[in-house]
PDB file of all heavy atoms in Angstrom:
ATOM      1  N   SER A   1    -162.275  -7.715 -78.322  1.00  0.00           N
ATOM      2  CA  SER A   1    -161.516  -7.284 -79.512  1.00  0.00           C
ATOM      3  C   SER A   1    -161.178  -5.827 -79.422  1.00  0.00           C
ATOM      4  O   SER A   1    -161.825  -4.986 -78.902  1.00  0.00           O
ATOM      5  CB  SER A   1    -162.370  -7.514 -80.796  1.00  0.00           C
ATOM      6  OG  SER A   1    -161.704  -6.990 -81.913  1.00  0.00           O
ATOM      7  N   THR A   2    -159.933  -5.479 -79.981  1.00  0.00           N
ATOM      8  CA  THR A   2    -159.603  -4.102 -80.128  1.00  0.00           C
ATOM      9  C   THR A   2    -160.218  -3.431 -81.344  1.00  0.00           C
ATOM     10  O   THR A   2    -159.878  -2.300 -81.639  1.00  0.00           O
ATOM     11  CB  THR A   2    -158.043  -4.005 -80.186  1.00  0.00           C
ATOM     12  OG1 THR A   2    -157.567  -4.752 -81.359  1.00  0.00           O
ATOM     13  CG2 THR A   2    -157.339  -4.517 -79.005  1.00  0.00           C
ATOM     14  N   SER A   3    -161.068  -4.167 -81.975  1.00  0.00           N
ATOM     15  CA  SER A   3    -161.620  -3.599 -83.225  1.00  0.00           C
ATOM     16  C   SER A   3    -163.014  -2.954 -83.091  1.00  0.00           C
ATOM     17  O   SER A   3    -163.670  -2.626 -83.998  1.00  0.00           O
ATOM     18  CB  SER A   3    -161.687  -4.686 -84.288  1.00  0.00           C
ATOM     19  OG  SER A   3    -162.562  -5.680 -83.982  1.00  0.00           O
ATOM     20  N   ILE A   4    -163.468  -2.840 -81.845  1.00  0.00           N
ATOM     21  CA  ILE A   4    -164.715  -2.138 -81.530  1.00  0.00           C
ATOM     22  C   ILE A   4    -164.487  -1.112 -80.493  1.00  0.00           C
ATOM     23  O   ILE A   4    -163.873  -1.386 -79.453  1.00  0.00           O
ATOM     24  CB  ILE A   4    -165.789  -3.130 -81.089  1.00  0.00           C
ATOM     25  CG1 ILE A   4    -166.164  -4.150 -82.200  1.00  0.00           C
ATOM     26  CG2 ILE A   4    -167.070  -2.389 -80.697  1.00  0.00           C
ATOM     27  CD1 ILE A   4    -167.091  -5.205 -81.792  1.00  0.00           C
ATOM     28  N   ILE A   5    -165.014   0.085 -80.713  1.00  0.00           N
ATOM     29  CA  ILE A   5    -164.984   1.105 -79.662  1.00  0.00           C
ATOM     30  C   ILE A   5    -166.189   1.957 -79.776  1.00  0.00           C
ATOM     31  O   ILE A   5    -166.850   2.022 -80.901  1.00  0.00           O
ATOM     32  CB  ILE A   5    -163.706   1.996 -79.811  1.00  0.00           C
ATOM     33  CG1 ILE A   5    -163.454   2.808 -78.585  1.00  0.00           C
ATOM     34  CG2 ILE A   5    -163.733   2.842 -81.071  1.00  0.00           C
ATOM     35  CD1 ILE A   5    -162.067   3.350 -78.383  1.00  0.00           C
ATOM     36  N   TYR A   6    -166.629   2.595 -78.700  1.00  0.00           N
ATOM     37  CA  TYR A   6    -167.824   3.354 -78.684  1.00  0.00           C
ATOM     38  C   TYR A   6    -167.567   4.805 -78.359  1.00  0.00           C
ATOM     39  O   TYR A   6    -166.796   5.098 -77.399  1.00  0.00           O
ATOM     40  CB  TYR A   6    -168.811   2.818 -77.583  1.00  0.00           C
ATOM     41  CG  TYR A   6    -169.326   1.391 -77.835  1.00  0.00           C
ATOM     42  CD1 TYR A   6    -168.544   0.306 -77.654  1.00  0.00           C
ATOM     43  CD2 TYR A   6    -170.651   1.201 -78.241  1.00  0.00           C
ATOM     44  CE1 TYR A   6    -168.950  -1.001 -77.883  1.00  0.00           C
ATOM     45  CE2 TYR A   6    -171.141  -0.115 -78.446  1.00  0.00           C
ATOM     46  CZ  TYR A   6    -170.310  -1.196 -78.273  1.00  0.00           C
ATOM     47  OH  TYR A   6    -170.788  -2.456 -78.485  1.00  0.00           O
ATOM     48  N   PHE A   7    -168.064   5.692 -79.217  1.00  0.00           N
ATOM     49  CA  PHE A   7    -167.850   7.154 -79.056  1.00  0.00           C
ATOM     50  C   PHE A   7    -169.163   7.819 -78.734  1.00  0.00           C
ATOM     51  O   PHE A   7    -170.128   7.729 -79.575  1.00  0.00           O
ATOM     52  CB  PHE A   7    -167.238   7.792 -80.259  1.00  0.00           C
ATOM     53  CG  PHE A   7    -165.814   7.383 -80.526  1.00  0.00           C
ATOM     54  CD1 PHE A   7    -165.501   6.577 -81.564  1.00  0.00           C
ATOM     55  CD2 PHE A   7    -164.798   7.806 -79.714  1.00  0.00           C
ATOM     56  CE1 PHE A   7    -164.194   6.189 -81.863  1.00  0.00           C
ATOM     57  CE2 PHE A   7    -163.464   7.447 -79.878  1.00  0.00           C
ATOM     58  CZ  PHE A   7    -163.132   6.657 -80.982  1.00  0.00           C
ATOM     59  N   ALA A   8    -169.238   8.568 -77.672  1.00  0.00           N
ATOM     60  CA  ALA A   8    -170.343   9.479 -77.411  1.00  0.00           C
ATOM     61  C   ALA A   8    -169.877  10.935 -77.647  1.00  0.00           C
ATOM     62  O   ALA A   8    -168.888  11.369 -77.021  1.00  0.00           O
ATOM     63  CB  ALA A   8    -170.861   9.354 -75.930  1.00  0.00           C
ATOM     64  N   GLY A   9    -170.597  11.603 -78.567  1.00  0.00           N
ATOM     65  CA  GLY A   9    -170.093  12.965 -78.929  1.00  0.00           C
ATOM     66  C   GLY A   9    -171.195  13.930 -79.208  1.00  0.00           C
ATOM     67  O   GLY A   9    -171.110  14.701 -80.141  1.00  0.00           O
ATOM     68  N   GLY A  10    -172.244  13.866 -78.381  1.00  0.00           N
ATOM     69  CA  GLY A  10    -173.403  14.718 -78.673  1.00  0.00           C
ATOM     70  C   GLY A  10    -174.438  13.921 -79.523  1.00  0.00           C
ATOM     71  O   GLY A  10    -174.410  12.659 -79.416  1.00  0.00           O
ATOM     72  N   CYS A  11    -175.199  14.598 -80.360  1.00  0.00           N
ATOM     73  CA  CYS A  11    -176.150  13.975 -81.166  1.00  0.00           C
ATOM     74  C   CYS A  11    -175.478  12.816 -82.036  1.00  0.00           C
ATOM     75  O   CYS A  11    -174.455  13.053 -82.728  1.00  0.00           O
ATOM     76  CB  CYS A  11    -176.834  14.895 -82.076  1.00  0.00           C
ATOM     77  SG  CYS A  11    -178.028  14.197 -83.184  1.00  0.00           S
ATOM     78  N   PHE A  12    -176.005  11.622 -81.942  1.00  0.00           N
ATOM     79  CA  PHE A  12    -175.312  10.487 -82.611  1.00  0.00           C
ATOM     80  C   PHE A  12    -175.480  10.485 -84.114  1.00  0.00           C
ATOM     81  O   PHE A  12    -174.727   9.778 -84.841  1.00  0.00           O
ATOM     82  CB  PHE A  12    -175.670   9.140 -82.022  1.00  0.00           C
ATOM     83  CG  PHE A  12    -177.103   8.774 -81.815  1.00  0.00           C
ATOM     84  CD1 PHE A  12    -178.131   9.450 -82.524  1.00  0.00           C
ATOM     85  CD2 PHE A  12    -177.473   7.781 -80.903  1.00  0.00           C
ATOM     86  CE1 PHE A  12    -179.486   9.075 -82.321  1.00  0.00           C
ATOM     87  CE2 PHE A  12    -178.819   7.393 -80.759  1.00  0.00           C
ATOM     88  CZ  PHE A  12    -179.796   8.045 -81.419  1.00  0.00           C
ATOM     89  N   TRP A  13    -176.412  11.267 -84.652  1.00  0.00           N
ATOM     90  CA  TRP A  13    -176.592  11.308 -86.104  1.00  0.00           C
ATOM     91  C   TRP A  13    -175.274  11.791 -86.793  1.00  0.00           C
ATOM     92  O   TRP A  13    -174.825  11.163 -87.763  1.00  0.00           O
ATOM     93  CB  TRP A  13    -177.741  12.278 -86.468  1.00  0.00           C
ATOM     94  CG  TRP A  13    -179.040  11.840 -86.066  1.00  0.00           C
ATOM     95  CD1 TRP A  13    -179.427  10.600 -85.680  1.00  0.00           C
ATOM     96  CD2 TRP A  13    -180.207  12.651 -85.906  1.00  0.00           C
ATOM     97  NE1 TRP A  13    -180.813  10.657 -85.314  1.00  0.00           N
ATOM     98  CE2 TRP A  13    -181.294  11.938 -85.456  1.00  0.00           C
ATOM     99  CE3 TRP A  13    -180.426  14.032 -86.145  1.00  0.00           C
ATOM    100  CZ2 TRP A  13    -182.537  12.413 -85.207  1.00  0.00           C
ATOM    101  CZ3 TRP A  13    -181.679  14.600 -85.932  1.00  0.00           C
ATOM    102  CH2 TRP A  13    -182.701  13.771 -85.441  1.00  0.00           C
ATOM    103  N   GLY A  14    -174.752  12.924 -86.350  1.00  0.00           N
ATOM    104  CA  GLY A  14    -173.574  13.453 -87.004  1.00  0.00           C
ATOM    105  C   GLY A  14    -172.309  12.636 -86.699  1.00  0.00           C
ATOM    106  O   GLY A  14    -171.473  12.435 -87.555  1.00  0.00           O
ATOM    107  N   THR A  15    -172.185  12.165 -85.431  1.00  0.00           N
ATOM    108  CA  THR A  15    -171.027  11.416 -85.084  1.00  0.00           C
ATOM    109  C   THR A  15    -170.931  10.110 -85.887  1.00  0.00           C
ATOM    110  O   THR A  15    -169.848   9.721 -86.347  1.00  0.00           O
ATOM    111  CB  THR A  15    -171.057  11.070 -83.547  1.00  0.00           C
ATOM    112  OG1 THR A  15    -171.190  12.323 -82.864  1.00  0.00           O
ATOM    113  CG2 THR A  15    -169.781  10.367 -83.182  1.00  0.00           C
ATOM    114  N   GLU A  16    -172.093   9.438 -86.137  1.00  0.00           N
ATOM    115  CA  GLU A  16    -172.054   8.236 -86.959  1.00  0.00           C
ATOM    116  C   GLU A  16    -171.654   8.611 -88.399  1.00  0.00           C
ATOM    117  O   GLU A  16    -170.782   7.873 -88.981  1.00  0.00           O
ATOM    118  CB  GLU A  16    -173.379   7.555 -86.950  1.00  0.00           C
ATOM    119  CG  GLU A  16    -173.320   6.256 -87.848  1.00  0.00           C
ATOM    120  CD  GLU A  16    -174.694   5.599 -88.104  1.00  0.00           C
ATOM    121  OE1 GLU A  16    -175.677   6.344 -88.218  1.00  0.00           O
ATOM    122  OE2 GLU A  16    -174.755   4.396 -88.228  1.00  0.00           O
ATOM    123  N   HIS A  17    -172.238   9.570 -88.989  1.00  0.00           N
ATOM    124  CA  HIS A  17    -171.880   9.959 -90.355  1.00  0.00           C
ATOM    125  C   HIS A  17    -170.414  10.277 -90.491  1.00  0.00           C
ATOM    126  O   HIS A  17    -169.773   9.942 -91.486  1.00  0.00           O
ATOM    127  CB  HIS A  17    -172.759  11.125 -90.787  1.00  0.00           C
ATOM    128  CG  HIS A  17    -172.724  11.359 -92.264  1.00  0.00           C
ATOM    129  ND1 HIS A  17    -173.255  10.457 -93.223  1.00  0.00           N
ATOM    130  CD2 HIS A  17    -172.170  12.398 -92.942  1.00  0.00           C
ATOM    131  CE1 HIS A  17    -173.035  10.969 -94.424  1.00  0.00           C
ATOM    132  NE2 HIS A  17    -172.401  12.128 -94.292  1.00  0.00           N
ATOM    133  N   PHE A  18    -169.847  10.937 -89.516  1.00  0.00           N
ATOM    134  CA  PHE A  18    -168.453  11.326 -89.494  1.00  0.00           C
ATOM    135  C   PHE A  18    -167.574  10.102 -89.570  1.00  0.00           C
ATOM    136  O   PHE A  18    -166.696   9.962 -90.413  1.00  0.00           O
ATOM    137  CB  PHE A  18    -168.141  12.132 -88.277  1.00  0.00           C
ATOM    138  CG  PHE A  18    -166.730  12.534 -88.111  1.00  0.00           C
ATOM    139  CD1 PHE A  18    -166.238  13.576 -88.806  1.00  0.00           C
ATOM    140  CD2 PHE A  18    -165.878  11.869 -87.260  1.00  0.00           C
ATOM    141  CE1 PHE A  18    -164.836  14.004 -88.656  1.00  0.00           C
ATOM    142  CE2 PHE A  18    -164.556  12.256 -87.093  1.00  0.00           C
ATOM    143  CZ  PHE A  18    -164.040  13.265 -87.792  1.00  0.00           C
ATOM    144  N   PHE A  19    -167.817   9.114 -88.646  1.00  0.00           N
ATOM    145  CA  PHE A  19    -166.930   7.952 -88.648  1.00  0.00           C
ATOM    146  C   PHE A  19    -167.227   7.024 -89.809  1.00  0.00           C
ATOM    147  O   PHE A  19    -166.297   6.248 -90.229  1.00  0.00           O
ATOM    148  CB  PHE A  19    -167.154   7.218 -87.332  1.00  0.00           C
ATOM    149  CG  PHE A  19    -166.306   7.796 -86.230  1.00  0.00           C
ATOM    150  CD1 PHE A  19    -166.989   8.484 -85.175  1.00  0.00           C
ATOM    151  CD2 PHE A  19    -164.968   7.733 -86.187  1.00  0.00           C
ATOM    152  CE1 PHE A  19    -166.252   9.084 -84.198  1.00  0.00           C
ATOM    153  CE2 PHE A  19    -164.186   8.308 -85.162  1.00  0.00           C
ATOM    154  CZ  PHE A  19    -164.867   8.975 -84.179  1.00  0.00           C
ATOM    155  N   LYS A  20    -168.341   7.110 -90.472  1.00  0.00           N
ATOM    156  CA  LYS A  20    -168.595   6.268 -91.682  1.00  0.00           C
ATOM    157  C   LYS A  20    -167.666   6.707 -92.778  1.00  0.00           C
ATOM    158  O   LYS A  20    -167.429   5.922 -93.746  1.00  0.00           O
ATOM    159  CB  LYS A  20    -170.033   6.399 -92.125  1.00  0.00           C
ATOM    160  CG  LYS A  20    -170.997   5.697 -91.318  1.00  0.00           C
ATOM    161  CD  LYS A  20    -172.493   5.947 -91.718  1.00  0.00           C
ATOM    162  CE  LYS A  20    -172.804   5.186 -93.009  1.00  0.00           C
ATOM    163  NZ  LYS A  20    -172.820   3.750 -92.799  1.00  0.00           N
ATOM    164  N   GLN A  21    -167.068   7.867 -92.733  1.00  0.00           N
ATOM    165  CA  GLN A  21    -166.291   8.383 -93.837  1.00  0.00           C
ATOM    166  C   GLN A  21    -164.837   7.848 -93.743  1.00  0.00           C
ATOM    167  O   GLN A  21    -164.078   7.858 -94.684  1.00  0.00           O
ATOM    168  CB  GLN A  21    -166.131   9.901 -93.759  1.00  0.00           C
ATOM    169  CG  GLN A  21    -167.498  10.675 -93.682  1.00  0.00           C
ATOM    170  CD  GLN A  21    -168.437  10.267 -94.726  1.00  0.00           C
ATOM    171  OE1 GLN A  21    -168.149  10.237 -95.916  1.00  0.00           O
ATOM    172  NE2 GLN A  21    -169.624   9.967 -94.337  1.00  0.00           N
ATOM    173  N   VAL A  22    -164.471   7.339 -92.535  1.00  0.00           N
ATOM    174  CA  VAL A  22    -163.077   6.953 -92.328  1.00  0.00           C
ATOM    175  C   VAL A  22    -162.742   5.601 -92.977  1.00  0.00           C
ATOM    176  O   VAL A  22    -163.397   4.603 -92.703  1.00  0.00           O
ATOM    177  CB  VAL A  22    -162.742   6.891 -90.813  1.00  0.00           C
ATOM    178  CG1 VAL A  22    -161.286   6.575 -90.590  1.00  0.00           C
ATOM    179  CG2 VAL A  22    -163.100   8.208 -90.187  1.00  0.00           C
ATOM    180  N   GLU A  23    -161.678   5.583 -93.788  1.00  0.00           N
ATOM    181  CA  GLU A  23    -161.245   4.329 -94.389  1.00  0.00           C
ATOM    182  C   GLU A  23    -160.726   3.398 -93.292  1.00  0.00           C
ATOM    183  O   GLU A  23    -159.935   3.837 -92.455  1.00  0.00           O
ATOM    184  CB  GLU A  23    -160.163   4.597 -95.435  1.00  0.00           C
ATOM    185  CG  GLU A  23    -159.657   3.373 -96.144  1.00  0.00           C
ATOM    186  CD  GLU A  23    -159.204   3.616 -97.543  1.00  0.00           C
ATOM    187  OE1 GLU A  23    -159.432   4.706 -98.077  1.00  0.00           O
ATOM    188  OE2 GLU A  23    -158.560   2.730 -98.037  1.00  0.00           O
ATOM    189  N   GLY A  24    -161.197   2.196 -93.276  1.00  0.00           N
ATOM    190  CA  GLY A  24    -160.762   1.234 -92.239  1.00  0.00           C
ATOM    191  C   GLY A  24    -161.861   1.017 -91.210  1.00  0.00           C
ATOM    192  O   GLY A  24    -161.785   0.042 -90.513  1.00  0.00           O
ATOM    193  N   VAL A  25    -162.847   1.935 -91.143  1.00  0.00           N
ATOM    194  CA  VAL A  25    -164.017   1.698 -90.365  1.00  0.00           C
ATOM    195  C   VAL A  25    -164.967   0.803 -91.175  1.00  0.00           C
ATOM    196  O   VAL A  25    -165.399   1.196 -92.273  1.00  0.00           O
ATOM    197  CB  VAL A  25    -164.741   2.997 -89.974  1.00  0.00           C
ATOM    198  CG1 VAL A  25    -166.116   2.783 -89.364  1.00  0.00           C
ATOM    199  CG2 VAL A  25    -163.844   3.851 -88.967  1.00  0.00           C
ATOM    200  N   THR A  26    -165.278  -0.363 -90.622  1.00  0.00           N
ATOM    201  CA  THR A  26    -165.997  -1.368 -91.394  1.00  0.00           C
ATOM    202  C   THR A  26    -167.493  -1.334 -91.110  1.00  0.00           C
ATOM    203  O   THR A  26    -168.309  -1.840 -91.865  1.00  0.00           O
ATOM    204  CB  THR A  26    -165.457  -2.774 -91.114  1.00  0.00           C
ATOM    205  OG1 THR A  26    -165.589  -3.024 -89.714  1.00  0.00           O
ATOM    206  CG2 THR A  26    -164.007  -2.878 -91.515  1.00  0.00           C
ATOM    207  N   ALA A  27    -167.898  -0.791 -89.920  1.00  0.00           N
ATOM    208  CA  ALA A  27    -169.366  -0.658 -89.620  1.00  0.00           C
ATOM    209  C   ALA A  27    -169.553   0.367 -88.537  1.00  0.00           C
ATOM    210  O   ALA A  27    -168.694   0.650 -87.691  1.00  0.00           O
ATOM    211  CB  ALA A  27    -169.889  -2.062 -89.147  1.00  0.00           C
ATOM    212  N   THR A  28    -170.750   1.001 -88.566  1.00  0.00           N
ATOM    213  CA  THR A  28    -171.156   1.925 -87.523  1.00  0.00           C
ATOM    214  C   THR A  28    -172.572   1.589 -87.127  1.00  0.00           C
ATOM    215  O   THR A  28    -173.344   1.061 -87.913  1.00  0.00           O
ATOM    216  CB  THR A  28    -171.080   3.371 -87.971  1.00  0.00           C
ATOM    217  OG1 THR A  28    -171.949   3.561 -89.132  1.00  0.00           O
ATOM    218  CG2 THR A  28    -169.659   3.772 -88.316  1.00  0.00           C
ATOM    219  N   GLU A  29    -172.903   1.958 -85.898  1.00  0.00           N
ATOM    220  CA  GLU A  29    -174.271   1.792 -85.416  1.00  0.00           C
ATOM    221  C   GLU A  29    -174.547   2.746 -84.286  1.00  0.00           C
ATOM    222  O   GLU A  29    -173.646   3.032 -83.477  1.00  0.00           O
ATOM    223  CB  GLU A  29    -174.412   0.344 -84.916  1.00  0.00           C
ATOM    224  CG  GLU A  29    -175.838   0.034 -84.332  1.00  0.00           C
ATOM    225  CD  GLU A  29    -175.873  -1.372 -83.800  1.00  0.00           C
ATOM    226  OE1 GLU A  29    -176.026  -2.353 -84.556  1.00  0.00           O
ATOM    227  OE2 GLU A  29    -175.731  -1.545 -82.565  1.00  0.00           O
ATOM    228  N   VAL A  30    -175.734   3.337 -84.213  1.00  0.00           N
ATOM    229  CA  VAL A  30    -176.008   4.258 -83.116  1.00  0.00           C
ATOM    230  C   VAL A  30    -176.895   3.590 -82.077  1.00  0.00           C
ATOM    231  O   VAL A  30    -177.741   2.707 -82.429  1.00  0.00           O
ATOM    232  CB  VAL A  30    -176.703   5.564 -83.674  1.00  0.00           C
ATOM    233  CG1 VAL A  30    -175.835   6.296 -84.656  1.00  0.00           C
ATOM    234  CG2 VAL A  30    -178.092   5.268 -84.286  1.00  0.00           C
ATOM    235  N   GLY A  31    -176.652   3.972 -80.851  1.00  0.00           N
ATOM    236  CA  GLY A  31    -177.403   3.408 -79.757  1.00  0.00           C
ATOM    237  C   GLY A  31    -177.193   4.150 -78.484  1.00  0.00           C
ATOM    238  O   GLY A  31    -176.753   5.315 -78.487  1.00  0.00           O
ATOM    239  N   PHE A  32    -177.544   3.546 -77.371  1.00  0.00           N
ATOM    240  CA  PHE A  32    -177.536   4.151 -76.083  1.00  0.00           C
ATOM    241  C   PHE A  32    -176.598   3.401 -75.167  1.00  0.00           C
ATOM    242  O   PHE A  32    -176.739   2.167 -75.013  1.00  0.00           O
ATOM    243  CB  PHE A  32    -178.898   4.220 -75.485  1.00  0.00           C
ATOM    244  CG  PHE A  32    -179.936   4.722 -76.484  1.00  0.00           C
ATOM    245  CD1 PHE A  32    -180.973   3.885 -76.929  1.00  0.00           C
ATOM    246  CD2 PHE A  32    -179.882   6.075 -76.942  1.00  0.00           C
ATOM    247  CE1 PHE A  32    -181.897   4.347 -77.864  1.00  0.00           C
ATOM    248  CE2 PHE A  32    -180.838   6.499 -77.871  1.00  0.00           C
ATOM    249  CZ  PHE A  32    -181.887   5.649 -78.325  1.00  0.00           C
ATOM    250  N   ALA A  33    -175.665   4.063 -74.466  1.00  0.00           N
ATOM    251  CA  ALA A  33    -174.628   3.364 -73.710  1.00  0.00           C
ATOM    252  C   ALA A  33    -174.620   3.788 -72.269  1.00  0.00           C
ATOM    253  O   ALA A  33    -174.879   4.978 -71.922  1.00  0.00           O
ATOM    254  CB  ALA A  33    -173.284   3.606 -74.341  1.00  0.00           C
TER     255      ALA A  33
END
């Protein structure tokens, strides 16, 4: 699906919180890739 993408941007705490704010983002999860 084109509806999932993974972003590594340093500490995942802040990156997750950032993307949670975006309208149209339906879910976030932190992990190791």
